[in-house]
N, C-alpha and C. Protein backbone atom coordinates (compact mmCIF):
# COMPACT_ATOMS: atom_id res chain seq x y z
N MET A 1 -37.05 -19.98 43.55
CA MET A 1 -37.23 -18.54 43.52
C MET A 1 -37.51 -18.06 44.95
N PRO A 2 -36.69 -17.17 45.48
CA PRO A 2 -36.88 -16.70 46.86
C PRO A 2 -38.13 -15.81 46.97
N ALA A 3 -38.75 -15.88 48.13
CA ALA A 3 -39.94 -15.06 48.39
C ALA A 3 -39.53 -13.60 48.52
N MET A 4 -40.33 -12.73 47.91
CA MET A 4 -40.06 -11.29 48.02
C MET A 4 -40.55 -10.80 49.36
N PRO A 5 -39.83 -9.86 49.96
CA PRO A 5 -40.32 -9.26 51.20
C PRO A 5 -41.67 -8.60 50.97
N LEU A 6 -42.47 -8.54 52.02
CA LEU A 6 -43.83 -8.01 51.92
C LEU A 6 -43.87 -6.61 51.35
N LEU A 7 -43.00 -5.72 51.78
CA LEU A 7 -43.02 -4.34 51.28
C LEU A 7 -42.67 -4.26 49.81
N VAL A 8 -41.80 -5.11 49.35
CA VAL A 8 -41.45 -5.13 47.92
C VAL A 8 -42.66 -5.58 47.11
N ARG A 9 -43.35 -6.62 47.58
CA ARG A 9 -44.55 -7.10 46.89
C ARG A 9 -45.65 -6.04 46.92
N LEU A 10 -45.80 -5.37 48.06
CA LEU A 10 -46.81 -4.33 48.19
C LEU A 10 -46.53 -3.19 47.23
N ARG A 11 -45.28 -2.76 47.15
CA ARG A 11 -44.89 -1.68 46.23
C ARG A 11 -45.16 -2.08 44.79
N GLU A 12 -44.84 -3.32 44.45
CA GLU A 12 -45.07 -3.80 43.09
C GLU A 12 -46.56 -3.85 42.76
N LEU A 13 -47.38 -4.35 43.68
CA LEU A 13 -48.83 -4.38 43.48
C LEU A 13 -49.40 -2.97 43.36
N HIS A 14 -48.93 -2.07 44.20
CA HIS A 14 -49.38 -0.67 44.16
C HIS A 14 -49.08 -0.06 42.79
N ARG A 15 -47.87 -0.27 42.32
CA ARG A 15 -47.45 0.26 41.02
C ARG A 15 -48.23 -0.37 39.86
N ASN A 16 -48.51 -1.66 39.95
CA ASN A 16 -49.22 -2.34 38.86
C ASN A 16 -50.70 -2.00 38.81
N VAL A 17 -51.31 -1.73 39.94
CA VAL A 17 -52.74 -1.42 40.00
C VAL A 17 -53.00 0.04 39.65
N ALA A 18 -52.06 0.91 39.93
CA ALA A 18 -52.23 2.37 39.77
C ALA A 18 -52.76 2.79 38.40
N PRO A 19 -52.23 2.30 37.29
CA PRO A 19 -52.75 2.76 35.99
C PRO A 19 -54.22 2.42 35.77
N PHE A 20 -54.68 1.30 36.32
CA PHE A 20 -56.08 0.90 36.15
C PHE A 20 -57.02 1.71 37.04
N VAL A 21 -56.51 2.24 38.12
CA VAL A 21 -57.31 3.03 39.05
C VAL A 21 -57.31 4.49 38.63
N LEU A 22 -56.22 4.96 38.08
CA LEU A 22 -56.05 6.37 37.77
C LEU A 22 -57.06 6.89 36.75
N ALA A 23 -57.23 6.21 35.64
CA ALA A 23 -58.11 6.71 34.57
C ALA A 23 -59.56 6.88 35.04
N PRO A 24 -60.18 5.86 35.66
CA PRO A 24 -61.56 6.06 36.12
C PRO A 24 -61.69 7.15 37.18
N LEU A 25 -60.70 7.26 38.05
CA LEU A 25 -60.76 8.30 39.08
C LEU A 25 -60.62 9.69 38.46
N LEU A 26 -59.77 9.83 37.47
CA LEU A 26 -59.64 11.13 36.80
C LEU A 26 -60.94 11.52 36.11
N VAL A 27 -61.58 10.57 35.46
CA VAL A 27 -62.87 10.84 34.82
C VAL A 27 -63.89 11.29 35.86
N THR A 28 -63.93 10.60 36.99
CA THR A 28 -64.87 10.93 38.07
C THR A 28 -64.59 12.32 38.63
N VAL A 29 -63.33 12.60 38.89
CA VAL A 29 -62.96 13.91 39.46
C VAL A 29 -63.27 15.04 38.48
N PHE A 30 -62.80 14.92 37.26
CA PHE A 30 -62.98 16.00 36.30
C PHE A 30 -64.44 16.24 35.95
N SER A 31 -65.22 15.16 35.82
CA SER A 31 -66.64 15.36 35.49
C SER A 31 -67.39 15.96 36.68
N GLY A 32 -67.07 15.54 37.89
CA GLY A 32 -67.74 16.09 39.07
C GLY A 32 -67.40 17.55 39.31
N VAL A 33 -66.13 17.87 39.21
CA VAL A 33 -65.69 19.26 39.41
C VAL A 33 -66.24 20.15 38.28
N SER A 34 -66.20 19.66 37.06
CA SER A 34 -66.72 20.44 35.94
C SER A 34 -68.20 20.72 36.11
N TYR A 35 -68.94 19.72 36.56
CA TYR A 35 -70.38 19.92 36.80
C TYR A 35 -70.60 21.01 37.84
N ARG A 36 -69.92 20.89 38.96
CA ARG A 36 -70.12 21.85 40.05
C ARG A 36 -69.73 23.27 39.63
N LEU A 37 -68.58 23.41 38.96
CA LEU A 37 -68.13 24.74 38.53
C LEU A 37 -69.06 25.31 37.46
N ALA A 38 -69.49 24.48 36.54
CA ALA A 38 -70.40 24.96 35.49
C ALA A 38 -71.70 25.48 36.10
N ARG A 39 -72.19 24.77 37.11
CA ARG A 39 -73.45 25.20 37.76
C ARG A 39 -73.24 26.44 38.63
N ASP A 40 -72.19 26.43 39.45
CA ASP A 40 -72.00 27.51 40.42
C ASP A 40 -71.36 28.77 39.83
N TRP A 41 -70.36 28.61 39.02
CA TRP A 41 -69.62 29.77 38.52
C TRP A 41 -70.14 30.29 37.19
N PHE A 42 -70.62 29.38 36.36
CA PHE A 42 -71.01 29.79 35.01
C PHE A 42 -72.52 29.78 34.79
N GLY A 43 -73.28 29.47 35.82
CA GLY A 43 -74.73 29.54 35.76
C GLY A 43 -75.41 28.55 34.83
N ALA A 44 -74.76 27.46 34.54
CA ALA A 44 -75.37 26.45 33.66
C ALA A 44 -76.54 25.79 34.37
N SER A 45 -77.54 25.46 33.61
CA SER A 45 -78.70 24.76 34.19
C SER A 45 -78.37 23.27 34.31
N ARG A 46 -79.18 22.59 35.10
CA ARG A 46 -78.99 21.13 35.25
C ARG A 46 -79.09 20.43 33.91
N GLU A 47 -80.01 20.86 33.10
CA GLU A 47 -80.20 20.22 31.80
C GLU A 47 -78.97 20.40 30.90
N GLN A 48 -78.34 21.57 30.99
CA GLN A 48 -77.16 21.83 30.15
C GLN A 48 -75.97 20.95 30.51
N VAL A 49 -75.83 20.63 31.78
CA VAL A 49 -74.64 19.88 32.21
C VAL A 49 -74.97 18.49 32.74
N HIS A 50 -76.19 18.04 32.49
CA HIS A 50 -76.58 16.70 32.97
C HIS A 50 -75.65 15.63 32.41
N TRP A 51 -75.16 15.82 31.21
CA TRP A 51 -74.27 14.84 30.60
C TRP A 51 -73.01 14.62 31.45
N LEU A 52 -72.58 15.66 32.17
CA LEU A 52 -71.42 15.49 33.06
C LEU A 52 -71.75 14.56 34.23
N MET A 53 -72.98 14.63 34.73
CA MET A 53 -73.40 13.71 35.79
C MET A 53 -73.54 12.29 35.26
N VAL A 54 -73.96 12.17 34.01
CA VAL A 54 -74.06 10.84 33.39
C VAL A 54 -72.67 10.20 33.33
N VAL A 55 -71.67 10.99 32.97
CA VAL A 55 -70.29 10.50 32.94
C VAL A 55 -69.80 10.25 34.36
N HIS A 56 -70.01 11.21 35.25
CA HIS A 56 -69.53 11.15 36.63
C HIS A 56 -70.05 9.91 37.36
N GLU A 57 -71.32 9.61 37.20
CA GLU A 57 -71.93 8.50 37.93
C GLU A 57 -71.85 7.18 37.18
N GLY A 58 -71.34 7.18 35.97
CA GLY A 58 -71.23 5.95 35.19
C GLY A 58 -72.53 5.49 34.58
N GLU A 59 -73.52 6.37 34.51
CA GLU A 59 -74.83 5.99 33.94
C GLU A 59 -74.70 5.51 32.50
N TRP A 60 -73.74 6.03 31.76
CA TRP A 60 -73.56 5.69 30.36
C TRP A 60 -73.23 4.21 30.18
N LEU A 61 -72.85 3.53 31.25
CA LEU A 61 -72.53 2.11 31.17
C LEU A 61 -73.75 1.21 31.28
N GLY A 62 -74.89 1.80 31.63
CA GLY A 62 -76.11 1.02 31.79
C GLY A 62 -76.33 0.61 33.24
N SER A 63 -77.53 0.20 33.53
CA SER A 63 -77.91 -0.09 34.91
C SER A 63 -77.18 -1.30 35.50
N THR A 64 -76.70 -2.21 34.66
CA THR A 64 -76.00 -3.39 35.16
C THR A 64 -74.57 -3.06 35.56
N LEU A 65 -73.85 -2.32 34.72
CA LEU A 65 -72.44 -2.04 34.98
C LEU A 65 -72.21 -0.83 35.88
N GLU A 66 -73.15 0.08 35.94
CA GLU A 66 -72.96 1.31 36.73
C GLU A 66 -72.56 1.01 38.17
N PRO A 67 -73.30 0.17 38.92
CA PRO A 67 -72.90 -0.07 40.30
C PRO A 67 -71.57 -0.82 40.42
N VAL A 68 -71.27 -1.65 39.44
CA VAL A 68 -70.00 -2.39 39.46
C VAL A 68 -68.84 -1.42 39.32
N VAL A 69 -68.95 -0.49 38.39
CA VAL A 69 -67.88 0.48 38.17
C VAL A 69 -67.73 1.40 39.37
N VAL A 70 -68.83 1.81 39.96
CA VAL A 70 -68.77 2.65 41.15
C VAL A 70 -68.06 1.89 42.28
N LEU A 71 -68.41 0.63 42.47
CA LEU A 71 -67.77 -0.18 43.51
C LEU A 71 -66.28 -0.37 43.23
N LEU A 72 -65.93 -0.69 42.00
CA LEU A 72 -64.52 -0.87 41.65
C LEU A 72 -63.73 0.43 41.81
N ASN A 73 -64.36 1.55 41.48
CA ASN A 73 -63.73 2.85 41.66
C ASN A 73 -63.41 3.07 43.15
N ALA A 74 -64.37 2.78 44.00
CA ALA A 74 -64.19 2.95 45.44
C ALA A 74 -63.12 2.00 45.99
N ILE A 75 -63.17 0.75 45.59
CA ILE A 75 -62.19 -0.23 46.05
C ILE A 75 -60.79 0.16 45.56
N GLY A 76 -60.70 0.59 44.31
CA GLY A 76 -59.40 1.01 43.77
C GLY A 76 -58.83 2.19 44.51
N LEU A 77 -59.67 3.18 44.80
CA LEU A 77 -59.21 4.35 45.55
C LEU A 77 -58.75 3.96 46.94
N LEU A 78 -59.54 3.14 47.64
CA LEU A 78 -59.14 2.69 48.98
C LEU A 78 -57.83 1.90 48.92
N TRP A 79 -57.69 1.03 47.94
CA TRP A 79 -56.47 0.25 47.78
C TRP A 79 -55.25 1.18 47.63
N MET A 80 -55.37 2.17 46.74
CA MET A 80 -54.25 3.07 46.50
C MET A 80 -53.93 3.91 47.75
N LEU A 81 -54.96 4.36 48.45
CA LEU A 81 -54.74 5.16 49.66
C LEU A 81 -54.09 4.33 50.76
N ILE A 82 -54.59 3.13 50.99
CA ILE A 82 -54.06 2.29 52.07
C ILE A 82 -52.64 1.83 51.76
N THR A 83 -52.42 1.31 50.54
CA THR A 83 -51.07 0.83 50.21
C THR A 83 -50.10 2.00 50.11
N GLY A 84 -50.54 3.12 49.55
CA GLY A 84 -49.67 4.29 49.47
C GLY A 84 -49.29 4.81 50.84
N ALA A 85 -50.26 4.86 51.76
CA ALA A 85 -49.98 5.30 53.13
C ALA A 85 -49.01 4.34 53.81
N GLY A 86 -49.21 3.04 53.59
CA GLY A 86 -48.30 2.06 54.17
C GLY A 86 -46.87 2.22 53.67
N LEU A 87 -46.73 2.43 52.37
CA LEU A 87 -45.40 2.63 51.80
C LEU A 87 -44.78 3.93 52.29
N LEU A 88 -45.58 4.96 52.41
CA LEU A 88 -45.08 6.24 52.91
C LEU A 88 -44.61 6.13 54.36
N MET A 89 -45.40 5.46 55.19
CA MET A 89 -45.01 5.29 56.60
C MET A 89 -43.73 4.46 56.71
N GLU A 90 -43.62 3.46 55.85
CA GLU A 90 -42.40 2.64 55.84
C GLU A 90 -41.19 3.49 55.47
N ARG A 91 -41.35 4.36 54.49
CA ARG A 91 -40.24 5.23 54.07
C ARG A 91 -39.88 6.21 55.19
N TRP A 92 -40.89 6.80 55.81
CA TRP A 92 -40.62 7.73 56.92
C TRP A 92 -39.93 6.99 58.09
N GLY A 93 -40.35 5.75 58.33
CA GLY A 93 -39.73 4.97 59.38
C GLY A 93 -38.25 4.70 59.11
N ARG A 94 -37.92 4.45 57.85
CA ARG A 94 -36.49 4.24 57.49
C ARG A 94 -35.69 5.50 57.72
N LYS A 95 -36.25 6.67 57.39
CA LYS A 95 -35.53 7.94 57.55
C LYS A 95 -35.30 8.24 59.03
N VAL A 96 -36.28 7.92 59.87
CA VAL A 96 -36.15 8.20 61.30
C VAL A 96 -35.10 7.30 61.92
N HIS A 97 -35.03 6.06 61.48
CA HIS A 97 -34.10 5.10 62.07
C HIS A 97 -32.72 5.08 61.44
N SER A 98 -32.52 5.89 60.42
CA SER A 98 -31.19 5.90 59.78
C SER A 98 -30.34 7.02 60.28
């Protein structure tokens, strides 16, 4: 079996990891934005929307898993940003040289 070029492997890894990174990031984004808008625009008290912070920060997972999920969320986001930027620069480089 021939070795795949690095960019092909990178694109495949990026595509395979994306679904696992997307769901937790969407939960984090929507809960954080909802909390801020509820407090600032709709005048909700902290007590009324605290449950959004519980979701946002992963507190509902318990003290053992919360930091793990936060770390994995950060690593996943960095992975997607770095690999996505690399693939984008590679694509732009092909367009410039063609």
